[in-house]
C-alpha atoms as a PDB file:
ATOM      1  CA  ASN A   1     174.711-153.555-182.426  1.00  0.00           C
ATOM      2  CA  GLN A   2     175.635-152.416-178.761  1.00  0.00           C
ATOM      3  CA  PHE A   3     179.389-153.502-179.484  1.00  0.00           C
ATOM      4  CA  LEU A   4     179.343-151.615-182.715  1.00  0.00           C
ATOM      5  CA  GLY A   5     178.126-148.141-180.795  1.00  0.00           C
ATOM      6  CA  ASN A   6     180.170-148.757-178.076  1.00  0.00           C
ATOM      7  CA  ILE A   7     183.246-148.583-180.845  1.00  0.00           C
ATOM      8  CA  ARG A   8     181.522-145.503-182.692  1.00  0.00           C
ATOM      9  CA  SER A   9     181.508-143.071-179.589  1.00  0.00           C
ATOM     10  CA  THR A  10     185.383-143.650-179.041  1.00  0.00           C
ATOM     11  CA  ASN A  11     188.287-141.783-180.421  1.00  0.00           C
ATOM     12  CA  VAL A  12     190.561-144.521-180.847  1.00  0.00           C
ATOM     13  CA  ILE A  13     190.368-148.105-181.680  1.00  0.00           C
ATOM     14  CA  VAL A  14     192.985-149.977-179.567  1.00  0.00           C
ATOM     15  CA  HIS A  15     192.533-153.738-181.201  1.00  0.00           C
ATOM     16  CA  VAL A  16     194.122-156.557-178.993  1.00  0.00           C
ATOM     17  CA  VAL A  17     195.252-159.311-181.675  1.00  0.00           C
ATOM     18  CA  ARG A  18     196.495-162.565-180.847  1.00  0.00           C
ATOM     19  CA  CYS A  19     199.856-163.178-181.551  1.00  0.00           C
ATOM     20  CA  PHE A  20     201.082-166.614-179.470  1.00  0.00           C
ATOM     21  CA  GLU A  21     200.806-170.169-179.613  1.00  0.00           C
ATOM     22  CA  ASP A  22     199.429-172.427-177.237  1.00  0.00           C
ATOM     23  CA  ALA A  23     197.173-175.453-177.690  1.00  0.00           C
ATOM     24  CA  ASP A  24     195.552-175.553-174.269  1.00  0.00           C
ATOM     25  CA  ILE A  25     193.564-172.117-175.902  1.00  0.00           C
ATOM     26  CA  THR A  26     191.993-172.870-178.796  1.00  0.00           C
ATOM     27  CA  HIS A  27     191.303-170.289-181.681  1.00  0.00           C
ATOM     28  CA  VAL A  28     187.653-169.959-183.452  1.00  0.00           C
ATOM     29  CA  ASP A  29     189.484-170.597-186.708  1.00  0.00           C
ATOM     30  CA  GLY A  30     191.514-173.739-185.399  1.00  0.00           C
ATOM     31  CA  SER A  31     194.834-171.698-185.880  1.00  0.00           C
ATOM     32  CA  ILE A  32     196.716-168.803-185.413  1.00  0.00           C
ATOM     33  CA  ASP A  33     197.232-166.051-187.561  1.00  0.00           C
ATOM     34  CA  PRO A  34     196.948-162.189-186.781  1.00  0.00           C
ATOM     35  CA  ILE A  35     196.378-160.642-190.193  1.00  0.00           C
ATOM     36  CA  ARG A  36     193.160-163.066-190.802  1.00  0.00           C
ATOM     37  CA  ASP A  37     191.833-162.330-187.778  1.00  0.00           C
ATOM     38  CA  ILE A  38     192.554-158.380-188.238  1.00  0.00           C
ATOM     39  CA  GLU A  39     190.765-158.520-191.915  1.00  0.00           C
ATOM     40  CA  THR A  40     187.945-160.178-190.314  1.00  0.00           C
ATOM     41  CA  ILE A  41     187.271-157.496-187.774  1.00  0.00           C
ATOM     42  CA  ASP A  42     188.186-154.995-190.446  1.00  0.00           C
ATOM     43  CA  THR A  43     185.643-156.211-192.826  1.00  0.00           C
ATOM     44  CA  GLU A  44     183.050-155.984-190.104  1.00  0.00           C
ATOM     45  CA  LEU A  45     183.600-152.547-189.190  1.00  0.00           C
ATOM     46  CA  ILE A  46     183.663-151.503-193.349  1.00  0.00           C
ATOM     47  CA  PHE A  47     180.301-153.413-193.226  1.00  0.00           C
ATOM     48  CA  SER A  48     178.841-151.113-190.617  1.00  0.00           C
ATOM     49  CA  ASP A  49     180.020-148.027-191.894  1.00  0.00           C
ATOM     50  CA  LEU A  50     178.750-148.980-195.492  1.00  0.00           C
ATOM     51  CA  GLU A  51     175.318-148.840-193.627  1.00  0.00           C
ATOM     52  CA  VAL A  52     175.546-145.891-191.952  1.00  0.00           C
ATOM     53  CA  ILE A  53     176.139-143.843-195.190  1.00  0.00           C
ATOM     54  CA  THR A  54     173.394-145.596-197.233  1.00  0.00           C
ATOM     55  CA  ARG A  55     171.394-144.259-194.151  1.00  0.00           C
ATOM     56  CA  ARG A  56     172.913-140.702-194.224  1.00  0.00           C
ATOM     57  CA  LYS A  57     172.684-140.479-197.916  1.00  0.00           C
ATOM     58  CA  ASP A  58     168.801-141.588-197.654  1.00  0.00           C
ATOM     59  CA  SER A  59     168.415-139.059-195.046  1.00  0.00           C
ATOM     60  CA  ILE A  60     169.645-136.105-197.005  1.00  0.00           C
ATOM     61  CA  LYS A  61     167.928-137.047-200.305  1.00  0.00           C
ATOM     62  CA  LYS A  62     165.167-134.168-199.634  1.00  0.00           C
ATOM     63  CA  HIS A  63     168.114-131.396-199.140  1.00  0.00           C
ATOM     64  CA  VAL A  64     169.858-132.465-202.511  1.00  0.00           C
ATOM     65  CA  ARG A  65     166.712-132.339-204.316  1.00  0.00           C
ATOM     66  CA  ALA A  66     165.644-128.967-202.902  1.00  0.00           C
ATOM     67  CA  GLY A  67     169.356-127.601-204.591  1.00  0.00           C
ATOM     68  CA  LYS A  68     171.413-127.157-201.051  1.00  0.00           C
ATOM     69  CA  LYS A  69     174.708-126.628-201.892  1.00  0.00           C
ATOM     70  CA  GLU A  70     176.175-128.665-198.527  1.00  0.00           C
ATOM     71  CA  ALA A  71     174.127-131.353-199.583  1.00  0.00           C
ATOM     72  CA  ALA A  72     175.184-132.115-202.877  1.00  0.00           C
ATOM     73  CA  ALA A  73     178.423-131.943-201.772  1.00  0.00           C
ATOM     74  CA  GLU A  74     178.182-134.362-198.977  1.00  0.00           C
ATOM     75  CA  GLU A  75     176.202-136.885-201.137  1.00  0.00           C
ATOM     76  CA  LYS A  76     179.626-136.329-203.648  1.00  0.00           C
ATOM     77  CA  LEU A  77     181.409-137.522-200.758  1.00  0.00           C
ATOM     78  CA  LEU A  78     179.493-139.934-199.370  1.00  0.00           C
ATOM     79  CA  GLU A  79     179.239-141.723-202.897  1.00  0.00           C
ATOM     80  CA  VAL A  80     183.162-141.416-203.373  1.00  0.00           C
ATOM     81  CA  LEU A  81     183.696-142.934-199.955  1.00  0.00           C
ATOM     82  CA  GLU A  82     181.559-145.518-200.067  1.00  0.00           C
ATOM     83  CA  LYS A  83     183.236-147.006-203.214  1.00  0.00           C
ATOM     84  CA  HIS A  84     186.582-146.870-201.006  1.00  0.00           C
ATOM     85  CA  LEU A  85     185.267-148.834-198.374  1.00  0.00           C
ATOM     86  CA  GLU A  86     183.395-151.377-200.664  1.00  0.00           C
ATOM     87  CA  SER A  87     186.817-151.645-202.367  1.00  0.00           C
ATOM     88  CA  GLY A  88     187.967-153.122-198.921  1.00  0.00           C
ATOM     89  CA  GLN A  89     189.735-149.745-197.582  1.00  0.00           C
ATOM     90  CA  PRO A  90     188.402-148.154-194.343  1.00  0.00           C
ATOM     91  CA  ALA A  91     187.655-144.863-194.168  1.00  0.00           C
ATOM     92  CA  ARG A  92     190.946-143.204-192.161  1.00  0.00           C
ATOM     93  CA  SER A  93     193.027-144.242-195.606  1.00  0.00           C
ATOM     94  CA  TYR A  94     191.376-141.945-197.785  1.00  0.00           C
ATOM     95  CA  GLU A  95     192.784-138.382-198.102  1.00  0.00           C
ATOM     96  CA  PHE A  96     190.003-136.097-197.033  1.00  0.00           C
ATOM     97  CA  ASN A  97     190.556-132.513-197.562  1.00  0.00           C
ATOM     98  CA  GLU A  98     189.640-130.004-195.075  1.00  0.00           C
ATOM     99  CA  LEU A  99     186.316-129.164-196.110  1.00  0.00           C
ATOM    100  CA  GLU A 100     185.691-133.372-196.610  1.00  0.00           C
ATOM    101  CA  GLN A 101     187.035-133.372-192.762  1.00  0.00           C
ATOM    102  CA  GLU A 102     184.230-130.937-191.871  1.00  0.00           C
ATOM    103  CA  ILE A 103     181.472-132.761-193.507  1.00  0.00           C
ATOM    104  CA  ILE A 104     182.310-136.185-192.596  1.00  0.00           C
ATOM    105  CA  SER A 105     182.684-135.160-189.038  1.00  0.00           C
ATOM    106  CA  ALA A 106     179.096-135.645-188.260  1.00  0.00           C
ATOM    107  CA  VAL A 107     178.793-138.812-190.121  1.00  0.00           C
ATOM    108  CA  GLN A 108     180.569-141.004-187.204  1.00  0.00           C
ATOM    109  CA  LEU A 109     182.058-143.734-189.426  1.00  0.00           C
ATOM    110  CA  ILE A 110     184.223-146.458-187.207  1.00  0.00           C
ATOM    111  CA  THR A 111     186.998-146.928-189.765  1.00  0.00           C
ATOM    112  CA  ILE A 112     187.841-143.021-189.569  1.00  0.00           C
ATOM    113  CA  LYS A 113     189.192-143.283-186.502  1.00  0.00           C
ATOM    114  CA  PRO A 114     192.938-143.918-185.150  1.00  0.00           C
ATOM    115  CA  VAL A 115     193.899-147.671-184.610  1.00  0.00           C
ATOM    116  CA  LEU A 116     196.524-149.047-182.467  1.00  0.00           C
ATOM    117  CA  PHE A 117     197.173-152.906-182.695  1.00  0.00           C
ATOM    118  CA  CYS A 118     198.083-154.358-179.226  1.00  0.00           C
ATOM    119  CA  CYS A 119     199.625-157.912-179.961  1.00  0.00           C
ATOM    120  CA  ASN A 120     199.494-159.975-177.370  1.00  0.00           C
ATOM    121  CA  VAL A 121     202.325-162.284-177.345  1.00  0.00           C
ATOM    122  CA  ASP A 122     203.881-165.168-175.000  1.00  0.00           C
ATOM    123  CA  GLU A 123     206.702-164.403-172.273  1.00  0.00           C
ATOM    124  CA  GLY A 124     209.317-165.712-174.088  1.00  0.00           C
ATOM    125  CA  ASP A 125     208.843-162.813-176.780  1.00  0.00           C
ATOM    126  CA  VAL A 126     207.756-160.031-174.450  1.00  0.00           C
ATOM    127  CA  VAL A 127     211.251-158.113-174.886  1.00  0.00           C
ATOM    128  CA  THR A 128     211.653-158.472-178.645  1.00  0.00           C
ATOM    129  CA  GLY A 129     208.191-159.570-180.407  1.00  0.00           C
ATOM    130  CA  ASN A 130     208.289-162.401-182.620  1.00  0.00           C
ATOM    131  CA  ASP A 131     207.236-163.058-186.216  1.00  0.00           C
ATOM    132  CA  MET A 132     203.488-162.368-186.113  1.00  0.00           C
ATOM    133  CA  VAL A 133     204.668-159.177-184.857  1.00  0.00           C
ATOM    134  CA  ARG A 134     205.838-158.247-187.398  1.00  0.00           C
ATOM    135  CA  LYS A 135     203.584-158.938-189.841  1.00  0.00           C
ATOM    136  CA  VAL A 136     200.933-157.080-187.762  1.00  0.00           C
ATOM    137  CA  GLU A 137     203.761-153.805-187.919  1.00  0.00           C
ATOM    138  CA  LYS A 138     203.870-154.224-191.326  1.00  0.00           C
ATOM    139  CA  HIS A 139     200.103-154.729-192.110  1.00  0.00           C
ATOM    140  CA  ALA A 140     199.540-151.489-189.721  1.00  0.00           C
ATOM    141  CA  SER A 141     202.268-149.651-191.516  1.00  0.00           C
ATOM    142  CA  ALA A 142     200.100-149.813-194.709  1.00  0.00           C
ATOM    143  CA  MET A 143     197.213-148.754-192.125  1.00  0.00           C
ATOM    144  CA  GLN A 144     199.012-145.874-190.918  1.00  0.00           C
ATOM    145  CA  ALA A 145     198.236-147.079-187.719  1.00  0.00           C
ATOM    146  CA  GLU A 146     200.696-147.761-184.657  1.00  0.00           C
ATOM    147  CA  VAL A 147     201.654-151.330-182.606  1.00  0.00           C
ATOM    148  CA  VAL A 148     202.589-152.387-179.214  1.00  0.00           C
ATOM    149  CA  TRP A 149     203.285-155.739-178.008  1.00  0.00           C
ATOM    150  CA  LEU A 150     202.682-157.169-174.382  1.00  0.00           C
ATOM    151  CA  CYS A 151     201.872-160.501-172.641  1.00  0.00           C
ATOM    152  CA  ALA A 152     198.608-160.182-171.291  1.00  0.00           C
ATOM    153  CA  SER A 153     198.861-162.695-168.685  1.00  0.00           C
ATOM    154  CA  MET A 154     202.476-161.524-167.465  1.00  0.00           C
ATOM    155  CA  GLU A 155     200.701-158.103-167.165  1.00  0.00           C
ATOM    156  CA  ALA A 156     198.551-159.098-164.799  1.00  0.00           C
ATOM    157  CA  GLU A 157     200.918-160.313-162.632  1.00  0.00           C
ATOM    158  CA  ILE A 158     203.021-157.255-162.769  1.00  0.00           C
ATOM    159  CA  ALA A 159     199.487-155.281-161.335  1.00  0.00           C
ATOM    160  CA  GLU A 160     199.310-157.547-158.810  1.00  0.00           C
ATOM    161  CA  LEU A 161     202.700-156.607-157.160  1.00  0.00           C
ATOM    162  CA  GLU A 162     202.178-153.466-154.427  1.00  0.00           C
ATOM    163  CA  ASP A 163     205.910-153.274-153.906  1.00  0.00           C
ATOM    164  CA  GLU A 164     207.667-150.934-156.316  1.00  0.00           C
ATOM    165  CA  GLU A 165     210.977-152.823-155.945  1.00  0.00           C
ATOM    166  CA  GLU A 166     209.479-156.121-155.992  1.00  0.00           C
ATOM    167  CA  ARG A 167     207.805-154.806-159.613  1.00  0.00           C
ATOM    168  CA  GLN A 168     210.784-153.217-160.691  1.00  0.00           C
ATOM    169  CA  GLU A 169     213.058-156.370-160.006  1.00  0.00           C
ATOM    170  CA  PHE A 170     210.252-158.771-161.990  1.00  0.00           C
ATOM    171  CA  LEU A 171     210.948-156.644-165.054  1.00  0.00           C
ATOM    172  CA  SER A 172     214.247-156.668-164.923  1.00  0.00           C
ATOM    173  CA  ASP A 173     214.333-160.220-164.563  1.00  0.00           C
ATOM    174  CA  LEU A 174     212.264-160.378-167.950  1.00  0.00           C
ATOM    175  CA  GLY A 175     214.339-157.615-169.719  1.00  0.00           C
ATOM    176  CA  LEU A 176     212.523-154.658-169.415  1.00  0.00           C
ATOM    177  CA  THR A 177     212.343-151.429-168.028  1.00  0.00           C
ATOM    178  CA  GLN A 178     208.539-150.475-168.202  1.00  0.00           C
ATOM    179  CA  PRO A 179     205.091-152.600-168.230  1.00  0.00           C
ATOM    180  CA  GLY A 180     203.213-153.289-171.270  1.00  0.00           C
ATOM    181  CA  LEU A 181     200.602-151.221-169.995  1.00  0.00           C
ATOM    182  CA  GLU A 182     202.620-148.560-169.653  1.00  0.00           C
ATOM    183  CA  VAL A 183     203.806-148.690-173.317  1.00  0.00           C
ATOM    184  CA  LEU A 184     199.948-148.726-174.705  1.00  0.00           C
ATOM    185  CA  SER A 185     198.917-145.809-172.545  1.00  0.00           C
ATOM    186  CA  VAL A 186     201.734-143.562-173.609  1.00  0.00           C
ATOM    187  CA  LYS A 187     200.846-144.924-177.700  1.00  0.00           C
ATOM    188  CA  SER A 188     197.177-144.529-176.847  1.00  0.00           C
ATOM    189  CA  TYR A 189     197.930-140.406-175.249  1.00  0.00           C
ATOM    190  CA  ASN A 190     199.852-139.797-178.505  1.00  0.00           C
ATOM    191  CA  LEU A 191     197.175-140.706-181.012  1.00  0.00           C
ATOM    192  CA  LEU A 192     194.521-138.761-179.219  1.00  0.00           C
ATOM    193  CA  GLY A 193     196.824-135.957-178.815  1.00  0.00           C
ATOM    194  CA  LEU A 194     196.459-136.167-175.202  1.00  0.00           C
ATOM    195  CA  GLN A 195     199.950-134.570-172.640  1.00  0.00           C
ATOM    196  CA  THR A 196     199.762-134.922-168.996  1.00  0.00           C
ATOM    197  CA  TYR A 197     200.938-131.770-166.227  1.00  0.00           C
ATOM    198  CA  PHE A 198     201.045-131.901-162.520  1.00  0.00           C
ATOM    199  CA  THR A 199     200.135-129.909-159.802  1.00  0.00           C
ATOM    200  CA  ALA A 200     201.929-130.447-156.298  1.00  0.00           C
ATOM    201  CA  GLY A 201     201.401-129.039-152.869  1.00  0.00           C
ATOM    202  CA  GLU A 202     201.758-130.022-149.652  1.00  0.00           C
ATOM    203  CA  LYS A 203     198.722-132.296-149.408  1.00  0.00           C
ATOM    204  CA  GLU A 204     198.893-134.332-152.614  1.00  0.00           C
ATOM    205  CA  VAL A 205     200.087-134.192-156.374  1.00  0.00           C
ATOM    206  CA  ARG A 206     197.713-134.628-159.233  1.00  0.00           C
ATOM    207  CA  ALA A 207     198.330-135.355-162.840  1.00  0.00           C
ATOM    208  CA  TRP A 208     195.835-133.519-165.601  1.00  0.00           C
ATOM    209  CA  THR A 209     195.149-134.186-169.101  1.00  0.00           C
ATOM    210  CA  PHE A 210     195.172-131.860-171.807  1.00  0.00           C
ATOM    211  CA  LYS A 211     195.243-131.613-175.234  1.00  0.00           C
ATOM    212  CA  ARG A 212     198.457-131.237-176.556  1.00  0.00           C
ATOM    213  CA  GLY A 213     199.334-127.245-177.681  1.00  0.00           C
ATOM    214  CA  SER A 214     196.819-125.549-175.236  1.00  0.00           C
ATOM    215  CA  LYS A 215     197.801-122.642-173.857  1.00  0.00           C
ATOM    216  CA  ALA A 216     198.097-121.662-170.108  1.00  0.00           C
ATOM    217  CA  PRO A 217     194.499-120.475-169.763  1.00  0.00           C
ATOM    218  CA  GLN A 218     193.042-123.800-171.423  1.00  0.00           C
ATOM    219  CA  ALA A 219     195.069-126.201-169.502  1.00  0.00           C
ATOM    220  CA  ALA A 220     194.243-124.557-166.341  1.00  0.00           C
ATOM    221  CA  GLY A 221     190.655-124.797-167.343  1.00  0.00           C
ATOM    222  CA  VAL A 222     190.789-128.658-166.947  1.00  0.00           C
ATOM    223  CA  ILE A 223     191.134-127.897-163.290  1.00  0.00           C
ATOM    224  CA  HIS A 224     187.987-125.664-163.305  1.00  0.00           C
ATOM    225  CA  THR A 225     186.606-123.396-165.522  1.00  0.00           C
ATOM    226  CA  ASP A 226     187.393-120.250-162.914  1.00  0.00           C
ATOM    227  CA  PHE A 227     190.854-120.714-163.491  1.00  0.00           C
ATOM    228  CA  GLU A 228     190.430-120.307-167.325  1.00  0.00           C
ATOM    229  CA  ARG A 229     188.139-117.423-167.153  1.00  0.00           C
ATOM    230  CA  GLY A 230     190.788-115.643-164.345  1.00  0.00           C
ATOM    231  CA  PHE A 231     193.737-116.270-165.244  1.00  0.00           C
ATOM    232  CA  ILE A 232     196.838-114.045-164.519  1.00  0.00           C
ATOM    233  CA  ARG A 233     199.789-116.163-164.788  1.00  0.00           C
ATOM    234  CA  ALA A 234     201.350-119.245-164.059  1.00  0.00           C
ATOM    235  CA  GLU A 235     204.547-120.639-162.351  1.00  0.00           C
ATOM    236  CA  THR A 236     206.116-123.673-163.761  1.00  0.00           C
ATOM    237  CA  TYR A 237     208.907-125.585-164.040  1.00  0.00           C
ATOM    238  CA  SER A 238     209.409-129.088-165.879  1.00  0.00           C
ATOM    239  CA  PHE A 239     209.829-132.671-164.197  1.00  0.00           C
ATOM    240  CA  ALA A 240     213.446-132.886-165.828  1.00  0.00           C
ATOM    241  CA  ASP A 241     214.215-130.313-163.223  1.00  0.00           C
ATOM    242  CA  LEU A 242     212.635-131.757-160.330  1.00  0.00           C
ATOM    243  CA  MET A 243     214.726-134.756-161.029  1.00  0.00           C
ATOM    244  CA  GLU A 244     218.004-132.686-161.476  1.00  0.00           C
ATOM    245  CA  TYR A 245     217.530-130.408-158.633  1.00  0.00           C
ATOM    246  CA  ASP A 246     215.524-132.649-156.340  1.00  0.00           C
ATOM    247  CA  SER A 247     213.342-129.956-154.752  1.00  0.00           C
ATOM    248  CA  GLU A 248     211.465-127.015-155.865  1.00  0.00           C
ATOM    249  CA  LYS A 249     213.638-124.459-153.470  1.00  0.00           C
ATOM    250  CA  ALA A 250     216.563-126.067-155.178  1.00  0.00           C
ATOM    251  CA  ILE A 251     214.797-125.335-158.751  1.00  0.00           C
ATOM    252  CA  LYS A 252     213.985-121.627-157.236  1.00  0.00           C
ATOM    253  CA  GLU A 253     217.901-120.981-156.419  1.00  0.00           C
ATOM    254  CA  ALA A 254     218.872-122.256-159.947  1.00  0.00           C
ATOM    255  CA  GLY A 255     216.565-120.038-161.986  1.00  0.00           C
ATOM    256  CA  LYS A 256     214.705-122.683-163.589  1.00  0.00           C
ATOM    257  CA  LEU A 257     211.066-121.580-161.939  1.00  0.00           C
ATOM    258  CA  ARG A 258     209.233-119.604-164.822  1.00  0.00           C
ATOM    259  CA  VAL A 259     206.519-117.061-164.596  1.00  0.00           C
ATOM    260  CA  GLU A 260     204.713-117.586-167.805  1.00  0.00           C
ATOM    261  CA  GLY A 261     201.486-116.103-169.157  1.00  0.00           C
ATOM    262  CA  LYS A 262     198.493-116.605-171.409  1.00  0.00           C
ATOM    263  CA  GLU A 263     200.368-117.646-174.376  1.00  0.00           C
ATOM    264  CA  TYR A 264     202.339-119.980-172.974  1.00  0.00           C
ATOM    265  CA  VAL A 265     202.260-123.397-174.796  1.00  0.00           C
ATOM    266  CA  VAL A 266     202.334-126.379-172.138  1.00  0.00           C
ATOM    267  CA  GLU A 267     204.640-128.967-172.677  1.00  0.00           C
ATOM    268  CA  ASP A 268     203.925-132.357-171.550  1.00  0.00           C
ATOM    269  CA  GLY A 269     205.799-133.167-168.001  1.00  0.00           C
ATOM    270  CA  ASP A 270     205.465-129.351-166.699  1.00  0.00           C
ATOM    271  CA  ILE A 271     204.774-128.643-163.090  1.00  0.00           C
ATOM    272  CA  MET A 272     201.989-125.758-163.003  1.00  0.00           C
ATOM    273  CA  HIS A 273     200.911-123.263-160.238  1.00  0.00           C
ATOM    274  CA  PHE A 274     198.470-121.283-161.774  1.00  0.00           C
ATOM    275  CA  LEU A 275     197.530-117.767-160.432  1.00  0.00           C
ATOM    276  CA  PHE A 276     193.958-116.634-161.314  1.00  0.00           C
ATOM    277  CA  ASN A 277     191.283-113.873-160.229  1.00  0.00           C
ATOM    278  CA  VAL A 278     188.341-115.443-158.400  1.00  0.00           C
END
């Protein structure tokens, strides 16, 4: 129950799936079948959601009997969704209209959450994947889910390498340009609708996470609410500009430093300097 409760409070589910053979690492079912393993977990989550729907229907019965339209609309949706789940389909595969999305948001279903399948492969398959990964990709496509693969044991080795040059050499020898965990992070951010901007000063450079589509004042509010309330303007340039011109001084001389107002939609990788009234 605690395990399911933890999943229920998340925004995205990362489902790690075994996609490698190793006689020294036993499997509870005695064989390796990633689709079977996925369906086993999905069934448990569907059962959990069905219990939630049953409890929710019981809790609104008195409001339905009292003739409240909102309760009647919710009960109707819950009954339709109950049949959908009983057919073995997760809630995320049901096509909700705008009103239904508003109704169901309060129910906290697990299977409505977006899923990212993380296939754990062996070192030899870390670049191109394998047949088991292909099966997971096909399954994920039908579920409108994302897939990434990595080798967990190799990622542990990479994490222990503190020297960046040694780290890059290790990745290059494997035919990789970046660790699998970085790919996993990027895909997770995309599913969550998150992006990153940077602030840079003489003492430190910091990364700030914000919701995709945020305007400059809302993005500034991530640092402190005073930044949002007293927002005047933002001076900004892109990370790509920094890579091209190498310094803020050169960026200014090239005319790439922009002054943006309250309507500016912050982009992923922007480097921001906010001006505000206290």
